[in-house]
Amino acid sequence: MPVYDYQCRNCRYTWEVRLAPEETPPESCPSCGSKEVNRLFPAPYVAKAAGRAPGKTCCGREEKCATPPCVTEGNCRKS
């Protein structure tokens, strides 16, 4: 069952509700009883792009390249 977050516009109380598809969303705040209820939307998930390991050069070596950047036109100068 999906979980939704709601917030009361009157008292700012925030709560979670599990709703089956056939159920209706809450009509009032469980804290103050106000009918001024908003559904909150979750923050978007941002995936990090795969990158080089920390402390390593772009070709995966730990020592610094003599002439950065170590990759030109898809070829590693250190190979």
PDB file of N, CA and C in Angstrom:
ATOM      1  N   MET A   1       0.835  -1.168   0.000  1.00  0.00           N
ATOM      2  CA  MET A   1       0.000   0.000   0.000  1.00  0.00           C
ATOM      3  C   MET A   1       0.890   1.245   0.000  1.00  0.00           C
ATOM      4  N   PRO A   2       0.591   2.200  -0.842  1.00  0.00           N
ATOM      5  CA  PRO A   2       1.401   3.422  -0.877  1.00  0.00           C
ATOM      6  C   PRO A   2       1.208   4.271   0.387  1.00  0.00           C
ATOM      7  N   VAL A   3       2.258   4.969   0.768  1.00  0.00           N
ATOM      8  CA  VAL A   3       2.220   5.867   1.913  1.00  0.00           C
ATOM      9  C   VAL A   3       2.293   7.291   1.390  1.00  0.00           C
ATOM     10  N   TYR A   4       1.380   8.139   1.857  1.00  0.00           N
ATOM     11  CA  TYR A   4       1.337   9.531   1.444  1.00  0.00           C
ATOM     12  C   TYR A   4       1.513  10.428   2.657  1.00  0.00           C
ATOM     13  N   ASP A   5       2.158  11.577   2.456  1.00  0.00           N
ATOM     14  CA  ASP A   5       2.310  12.567   3.517  1.00  0.00           C
ATOM     15  C   ASP A   5       1.289  13.676   3.302  1.00  0.00           C
ATOM     16  N   TYR A   6       0.697  14.112   4.395  1.00  0.00           N
ATOM     17  CA  TYR A   6      -0.272  15.207   4.360  1.00  0.00           C
ATOM     18  C   TYR A   6       0.135  16.251   5.386  1.00  0.00           C
ATOM     19  N   GLN A   7      -0.254  17.498   5.117  1.00  0.00           N
ATOM     20  CA  GLN A   7       0.009  18.577   6.065  1.00  0.00           C
ATOM     21  C   GLN A   7      -1.211  19.477   6.163  1.00  0.00           C
ATOM     22  N   CYS A   8      -1.506  19.875   7.385  1.00  0.00           N
ATOM     23  CA  CYS A   8      -2.619  20.784   7.643  1.00  0.00           C
ATOM     24  C   CYS A   8      -2.152  22.207   7.368  1.00  0.00           C
ATOM     25  N   ARG A   9      -2.920  22.957   6.587  1.00  0.00           N
ATOM     26  CA  ARG A   9      -2.577  24.352   6.315  1.00  0.00           C
ATOM     27  C   ARG A   9      -2.874  25.242   7.518  1.00  0.00           C
ATOM     28  N   ASN A  10      -3.724  24.761   8.405  1.00  0.00           N
ATOM     29  CA  ASN A  10      -4.108  25.561   9.567  1.00  0.00           C
ATOM     30  C   ASN A  10      -3.051  25.475  10.683  1.00  0.00           C
ATOM     31  N   CYS A  11      -2.713  24.262  11.125  1.00  0.00           N
ATOM     32  CA  CYS A  11      -1.792  24.102  12.258  1.00  0.00           C
ATOM     33  C   CYS A  11      -0.413  23.569  11.857  1.00  0.00           C
ATOM     34  N   ARG A  12      -0.223  23.255  10.581  1.00  0.00           N
ATOM     35  CA  ARG A  12       1.046  22.748  10.039  1.00  0.00           C
ATOM     36  C   ARG A  12       1.408  21.347  10.530  1.00  0.00           C
ATOM     37  N   TYR A  13       0.462  20.625  11.105  1.00  0.00           N
ATOM     38  CA  TYR A  13       0.702  19.244  11.531  1.00  0.00           C
ATOM     39  C   TYR A  13       0.914  18.379  10.290  1.00  0.00           C
ATOM     40  N   THR A  14       1.925  17.517  10.313  1.00  0.00           N
ATOM     41  CA  THR A  14       2.240  16.632   9.187  1.00  0.00           C
ATOM     42  C   THR A  14       2.103  15.190   9.647  1.00  0.00           C
ATOM     43  N   TRP A  15       1.479  14.351   8.790  1.00  0.00           N
ATOM     44  CA  TRP A  15       1.295  12.943   9.131  1.00  0.00           C
ATOM     45  C   TRP A  15       1.318  12.095   7.869  1.00  0.00           C
ATOM     46  N   GLU A  16       1.507  10.786   8.088  1.00  0.00           N
ATOM     47  CA  GLU A  16       1.534   9.813   6.993  1.00  0.00           C
ATOM     48  C   GLU A  16       0.238   9.026   6.982  1.00  0.00           C
ATOM     49  N   VAL A  17      -0.205   8.669   5.769  1.00  0.00           N
ATOM     50  CA  VAL A  17      -1.419   7.873   5.612  1.00  0.00           C
ATOM     51  C   VAL A  17      -1.132   6.773   4.596  1.00  0.00           C
ATOM     52  N   ARG A  18      -1.460   5.530   4.964  1.00  0.00           N
ATOM     53  CA  ARG A  18      -1.390   4.407   4.011  1.00  0.00           C
ATOM     54  C   ARG A  18      -2.764   4.291   3.368  1.00  0.00           C
ATOM     55  N   LEU A  19      -2.778   4.375   2.048  1.00  0.00           N
ATOM     56  CA  LEU A  19      -4.055   4.332   1.342  1.00  0.00           C
ATOM     57  C   LEU A  19      -4.074   3.230   0.297  1.00  0.00           C
ATOM     58  N   ALA A  20      -5.073   2.389   0.373  1.00  0.00           N
ATOM     59  CA  ALA A  20      -5.317   1.409  -0.683  1.00  0.00           C
ATOM     60  C   ALA A  20      -5.993   2.162  -1.831  1.00  0.00           C
ATOM     61  N   PRO A  21      -5.923   1.652  -3.052  1.00  0.00           N
ATOM     62  CA  PRO A  21      -6.519   2.354  -4.192  1.00  0.00           C
ATOM     63  C   PRO A  21      -8.000   2.697  -4.016  1.00  0.00           C
ATOM     64  N   GLU A  22      -8.734   1.880  -3.286  1.00  0.00           N
ATOM     65  CA  GLU A  22     -10.162   2.134  -3.130  1.00  0.00           C
ATOM     66  C   GLU A  22     -10.480   3.107  -1.987  1.00  0.00           C
ATOM     67  N   GLU A  23      -9.471   3.479  -1.185  1.00  0.00           N
ATOM     68  CA  GLU A  23      -9.688   4.381  -0.055  1.00  0.00           C
ATOM     69  C   GLU A  23      -9.609   5.845  -0.485  1.00  0.00           C
ATOM     70  N   THR A  24     -10.283   6.698   0.272  1.00  0.00           N
ATOM     71  CA  THR A  24     -10.255   8.135  -0.023  1.00  0.00           C
ATOM     72  C   THR A  24      -9.241   8.819   0.889  1.00  0.00           C
ATOM     73  N   PRO A  25      -8.627   9.908   0.405  1.00  0.00           N
ATOM     74  CA  PRO A  25      -7.650  10.622   1.238  1.00  0.00           C
ATOM     75  C   PRO A  25      -8.328  11.280   2.442  1.00  0.00           C
ATOM     76  N   PRO A  26      -7.541  11.638   3.455  1.00  0.00           N
ATOM     77  CA  PRO A  26      -8.137  12.251   4.647  1.00  0.00           C
ATOM     78  C   PRO A  26      -8.813  13.578   4.307  1.00  0.00           C
ATOM     79  N   GLU A  27      -9.937  13.835   4.967  1.00  0.00           N
ATOM     80  CA  GLU A  27     -10.681  15.061   4.722  1.00  0.00           C
ATOM     81  C   GLU A  27     -10.399  16.123   5.769  1.00  0.00           C
ATOM     82  N   SER A  28      -9.829  15.707   6.915  1.00  0.00           N
ATOM     83  CA  SER A  28      -9.560  16.680   7.966  1.00  0.00           C
ATOM     84  C   SER A  28      -8.281  16.321   8.715  1.00  0.00           C
ATOM     85  N   CYS A  29      -7.715  17.317   9.376  1.00  0.00           N
ATOM     86  CA  CYS A  29      -6.488  17.157  10.150  1.00  0.00           C
ATOM     87  C   CYS A  29      -6.787  16.387  11.436  1.00  0.00           C
ATOM     88  N   PRO A  30      -5.997  15.349  11.754  1.00  0.00           N
ATOM     89  CA  PRO A  30      -6.232  14.608  12.994  1.00  0.00           C
ATOM     90  C   PRO A  30      -5.849  15.418  14.238  1.00  0.00           C
ATOM     91  N   SER A  31      -5.097  16.497  14.070  1.00  0.00           N
ATOM     92  CA  SER A  31      -4.670  17.307  15.204  1.00  0.00           C
ATOM     93  C   SER A  31      -5.687  18.390  15.565  1.00  0.00           C
ATOM     94  N   CYS A  32      -6.103  19.193  14.552  1.00  0.00           N
ATOM     95  CA  CYS A  32      -6.999  20.315  14.856  1.00  0.00           C
ATOM     96  C   CYS A  32      -8.384  20.187  14.226  1.00  0.00           C
ATOM     97  N   GLY A  33      -8.563  19.217  13.322  1.00  0.00           N
ATOM     98  CA  GLY A  33      -9.867  19.010  12.700  1.00  0.00           C
ATOM     99  C   GLY A  33     -10.152  19.884  11.490  1.00  0.00           C
ATOM    100  N   SER A  34      -9.191  20.716  11.102  1.00  0.00           N
ATOM    101  CA  SER A  34      -9.376  21.609   9.959  1.00  0.00           C
ATOM    102  C   SER A  34      -9.542  20.812   8.671  1.00  0.00           C
ATOM    103  N   LYS A  35     -10.334  21.336   7.762  1.00  0.00           N
ATOM    104  CA  LYS A  35     -10.526  20.706   6.445  1.00  0.00           C
ATOM    105  C   LYS A  35      -9.470  21.188   5.442  1.00  0.00           C
ATOM    106  N   GLU A  36      -8.583  22.060   5.868  1.00  0.00           N
ATOM    107  CA  GLU A  36      -7.526  22.623   5.016  1.00  0.00           C
ATOM    108  C   GLU A  36      -6.326  21.668   5.000  1.00  0.00           C
ATOM    109  N   VAL A  37      -6.417  20.606   4.227  1.00  0.00           N
ATOM    110  CA  VAL A  37      -5.390  19.561   4.197  1.00  0.00           C
ATOM    111  C   VAL A  37      -4.766  19.488   2.811  1.00  0.00           C
ATOM    112  N   ASN A  38      -3.427  19.457   2.763  1.00  0.00           N
ATOM    113  CA  ASN A  38      -2.687  19.324   1.503  1.00  0.00           C
ATOM    114  C   ASN A  38      -1.884  18.036   1.494  1.00  0.00           C
ATOM    115  N   ARG A  39      -1.842  17.403   0.339  1.00  0.00           N
ATOM    116  CA  ARG A  39      -0.954  16.247   0.177  1.00  0.00           C
ATOM    117  C   ARG A  39       0.416  16.787  -0.184  1.00  0.00           C
ATOM    118  N   LEU A  40       1.456  16.294   0.482  1.00  0.00           N
ATOM    119  CA  LEU A  40       2.825  16.703   0.190  1.00  0.00           C
ATOM    120  C   LEU A  40       3.416  15.754  -0.846  1.00  0.00           C
ATOM    121  N   PHE A  41       4.223  16.279  -1.710  1.00  0.00           N
ATOM    122  CA  PHE A  41       4.866  15.454  -2.723  1.00  0.00           C
ATOM    123  C   PHE A  41       6.300  15.183  -2.295  1.00  0.00           C
ATOM    124  N   PRO A  42       6.755  13.946  -2.469  1.00  0.00           N
ATOM    125  CA  PRO A  42       8.104  13.593  -2.024  1.00  0.00           C
ATOM    126  C   PRO A  42       9.166  14.320  -2.844  1.00  0.00           C
ATOM    127  N   ALA A  43      10.300  14.530  -2.226  1.00  0.00           N
ATOM    128  CA  ALA A  43      11.430  15.138  -2.927  1.00  0.00           C
ATOM    129  C   ALA A  43      11.914  14.168  -3.992  1.00  0.00           C
ATOM    130  N   PRO A  44      12.327  14.669  -5.133  1.00  0.00           N
ATOM    131  CA  PRO A  44      12.807  13.763  -6.189  1.00  0.00           C
ATOM    132  C   PRO A  44      14.112  13.084  -5.783  1.00  0.00           C
ATOM    133  N   TYR A  45      14.273  11.867  -6.220  1.00  0.00           N
ATOM    134  CA  TYR A  45      15.494  11.108  -5.963  1.00  0.00           C
ATOM    135  C   TYR A  45      16.488  11.442  -7.066  1.00  0.00           C
ATOM    136  N   VAL A  46      17.677  11.843  -6.674  1.00  0.00           N
ATOM    137  CA  VAL A  46      18.711  12.173  -7.643  1.00  0.00           C
ATOM    138  C   VAL A  46      19.839  11.171  -7.488  1.00  0.00           C
ATOM    139  N   ALA A  47      20.066  10.404  -8.523  1.00  0.00           N
ATOM    140  CA  ALA A  47      21.137   9.414  -8.495  1.00  0.00           C
ATOM    141  C   ALA A  47      22.436  10.064  -8.927  1.00  0.00           C
ATOM    142  N   LYS A  48      23.502   9.693  -8.269  1.00  0.00           N
ATOM    143  CA  LYS A  48      24.813  10.212  -8.655  1.00  0.00           C
ATOM    144  C   LYS A  48      25.319   9.430  -9.859  1.00  0.00           C
ATOM    145  N   ALA A  49      25.975  10.132 -10.744  1.00  0.00           N
ATOM    146  CA  ALA A  49      26.583   9.467 -11.897  1.00  0.00           C
ATOM    147  C   ALA A  49      27.826   8.715 -11.425  1.00  0.00           C
ATOM    148  N   ALA A  50      28.103   7.625 -12.068  1.00  0.00           N
ATOM    149  CA  ALA A  50      29.299   6.865 -11.722  1.00  0.00           C
ATOM    150  C   ALA A  50      30.518   7.707 -12.051  1.00  0.00           C
ATOM    151  N   GLY A  51      31.397   7.813 -11.137  1.00  0.00           N
ATOM    152  CA  GLY A  51      32.589   8.626 -11.349  1.00  0.00           C
ATOM    153  C   GLY A  51      33.814   7.870 -10.903  1.00  0.00           C
ATOM    154  N   ARG A  52      34.891   8.568 -10.900  1.00  0.00           N
ATOM    155  CA  ARG A  52      36.132   7.931 -10.477  1.00  0.00           C
ATOM    156  C   ARG A  52      36.167   7.826  -8.962  1.00  0.00           C
ATOM    157  N   ALA A  53      36.928   6.884  -8.474  1.00  0.00           N
ATOM    158  CA  ALA A  53      37.052   6.686  -7.033  1.00  0.00           C
ATOM    159  C   ALA A  53      37.792   7.871  -6.424  1.00  0.00           C
ATOM    160  N   PRO A  54      37.468   8.245  -5.192  1.00  0.00           N
ATOM    161  CA  PRO A  54      38.150   9.367  -4.570  1.00  0.00           C
ATOM    162  C   PRO A  54      39.648   9.122  -4.463  1.00  0.00           C
ATOM    163  N   GLY A  55      40.441  10.154  -4.747  1.00  0.00           N
ATOM    164  CA  GLY A  55      41.884  10.044  -4.646  1.00  0.00           C
ATOM    165  C   GLY A  55      42.542   9.373  -5.830  1.00  0.00           C
ATOM    166  N   LYS A  56      41.809   9.158  -6.895  1.00  0.00           N
ATOM    167  CA  LYS A  56      42.379   8.508  -8.067  1.00  0.00           C
ATOM    168  C   LYS A  56      42.247   9.414  -9.284  1.00  0.00           C
ATOM    169  N   THR A  57      43.087   9.197 -10.265  1.00  0.00           N
ATOM    170  CA  THR A  57      43.012   9.981 -11.500  1.00  0.00           C
ATOM    171  C   THR A  57      41.888   9.444 -12.371  1.00  0.00           C
ATOM    172  N   CYS A  58      41.630  10.107 -13.485  1.00  0.00           N
ATOM    173  CA  CYS A  58      40.535   9.685 -14.349  1.00  0.00           C
ATOM    174  C   CYS A  58      40.768   8.307 -14.966  1.00  0.00           C
ATOM    175  N   CYS A  59      42.015   7.840 -14.974  1.00  0.00           N
ATOM    176  CA  CYS A  59      42.259   6.499 -15.505  1.00  0.00           C
ATOM    177  C   CYS A  59      42.368   5.466 -14.383  1.00  0.00           C
ATOM    178  N   GLY A  60      42.048   5.871 -13.125  1.00  0.00           N
ATOM    179  CA  GLY A  60      41.984   4.934 -12.023  1.00  0.00           C
ATOM    180  C   GLY A  60      43.280   4.719 -11.272  1.00  0.00           C
ATOM    181  N   ARG A  61      44.308   5.455 -11.609  1.00  0.00           N
ATOM    182  CA  ARG A  61      45.588   5.301 -10.912  1.00  0.00           C
ATOM    183  C   ARG A  61      45.684   6.276  -9.752  1.00  0.00           C
ATOM    184  N   GLU A  62      46.517   5.937  -8.788  1.00  0.00           N
ATOM    185  CA  GLU A  62      46.646   6.807  -7.628  1.00  0.00           C
ATOM    186  C   GLU A  62      47.642   7.935  -7.840  1.00  0.00           C
ATOM    187  N   GLU A  63      48.658   7.732  -8.669  1.00  0.00           N
ATOM    188  CA  GLU A  63      49.636   8.789  -8.895  1.00  0.00           C
ATOM    189  C   GLU A  63      49.085   9.811  -9.896  1.00  0.00           C
ATOM    190  N   LYS A  64      49.555  11.040  -9.764  1.00  0.00           N
ATOM    191  CA  LYS A  64      49.077  12.095 -10.654  1.00  0.00           C
ATOM    192  C   LYS A  64      49.635  11.894 -12.053  1.00  0.00           C
ATOM    193  N   CYS A  65      48.902  12.366 -13.021  1.00  0.00           N
ATOM    194  CA  CYS A  65      49.338  12.283 -14.409  1.00  0.00           C
ATOM    195  C   CYS A  65      50.404  13.348 -14.668  1.00  0.00           C
ATOM    196  N   ALA A  66      51.360  13.035 -15.509  1.00  0.00           N
ATOM    197  CA  ALA A  66      52.405  13.996 -15.833  1.00  0.00           C
ATOM    198  C   ALA A  66      51.822  15.176 -16.601  1.00  0.00           C
ATOM    199  N   THR A  67      50.864  14.910 -17.477  1.00  0.00           N
ATOM    200  CA  THR A  67      50.249  15.962 -18.268  1.00  0.00           C
ATOM    201  C   THR A  67      48.739  15.833 -18.176  1.00  0.00           C
ATOM    202  N   PRO A  68      48.111  16.492 -17.199  1.00  0.00           N
ATOM    203  CA  PRO A  68      46.658  16.417 -17.105  1.00  0.00           C
ATOM    204  C   PRO A  68      46.001  17.083 -18.300  1.00  0.00           C
ATOM    205  N   PRO A  69      44.827  16.726 -18.718  1.00  0.00           N
ATOM    206  CA  PRO A  69      44.140  15.536 -18.237  1.00  0.00           C
ATOM    207  C   PRO A  69      44.746  14.290 -18.844  1.00  0.00           C
ATOM    208  N   CYS A  70      44.624  13.201 -18.147  1.00  0.00           N
ATOM    209  CA  CYS A  70      45.281  11.980 -18.613  1.00  0.00           C
ATOM    210  C   CYS A  70      44.507  11.291 -19.726  1.00  0.00           C
ATOM    211  N   VAL A  71      43.289  11.736 -20.007  1.00  0.00           N
ATOM    212  CA  VAL A  71      42.514  11.121 -21.081  1.00  0.00           C
ATOM    213  C   VAL A  71      42.281  12.148 -22.184  1.00  0.00           C
ATOM    214  N   THR A  72      42.636  11.787 -23.394  1.00  0.00           N
ATOM    215  CA  THR A  72      42.330  12.631 -24.552  1.00  0.00           C
ATOM    216  C   THR A  72      41.752  11.737 -25.632  1.00  0.00           C
ATOM    217  N   GLU A  73      40.643  12.126 -26.153  1.00  0.00           N
ATOM    218  CA  GLU A  73      39.976  11.382 -27.214  1.00  0.00           C
ATOM    219  C   GLU A  73      39.737   9.934 -26.845  1.00  0.00           C
ATOM    220  N   GLY A  74      39.390   9.682 -25.563  1.00  0.00           N
ATOM    221  CA  GLY A  74      39.030   8.325 -25.124  1.00  0.00           C
ATOM    222  C   GLY A  74      40.224   7.439 -24.831  1.00  0.00           C
ATOM    223  N   ASN A  75      41.466   7.915 -25.000  1.00  0.00           N
ATOM    224  CA  ASN A  75      42.646   7.098 -24.740  1.00  0.00           C
ATOM    225  C   ASN A  75      43.396   7.625 -23.527  1.00  0.00           C
ATOM    226  N   CYS A  76      43.836   6.728 -22.693  1.00  0.00           N
ATOM    227  CA  CYS A  76      44.596   7.115 -21.508  1.00  0.00           C
ATOM    228  C   CYS A  76      46.059   7.258 -21.893  1.00  0.00           C
ATOM    229  N   ARG A  77      46.662   8.371 -21.519  1.00  0.00           N
ATOM    230  CA  ARG A  77      48.075   8.612 -21.831  1.00  0.00           C
ATOM    231  C   ARG A  77      49.000   7.714 -21.023  1.00  0.00           C
ATOM    232  N   LYS A  78      48.506   7.184 -19.884  1.00  0.00           N
ATOM    233  CA  LYS A  78      49.361   6.376 -19.023  1.00  0.00           C
ATOM    234  C   LYS A  78      49.407   4.909 -19.432  1.00  0.00           C
ATOM    235  N   SER A  79      48.592   4.495 -20.364  1.00  0.00           N
ATOM    236  CA  SER A  79      48.550   3.078 -20.741  1.00  0.00           C
ATOM    237  C   SER A  79      49.771   2.687 -21.514  1.00  0.00           C
TER     238      SER A  79
END
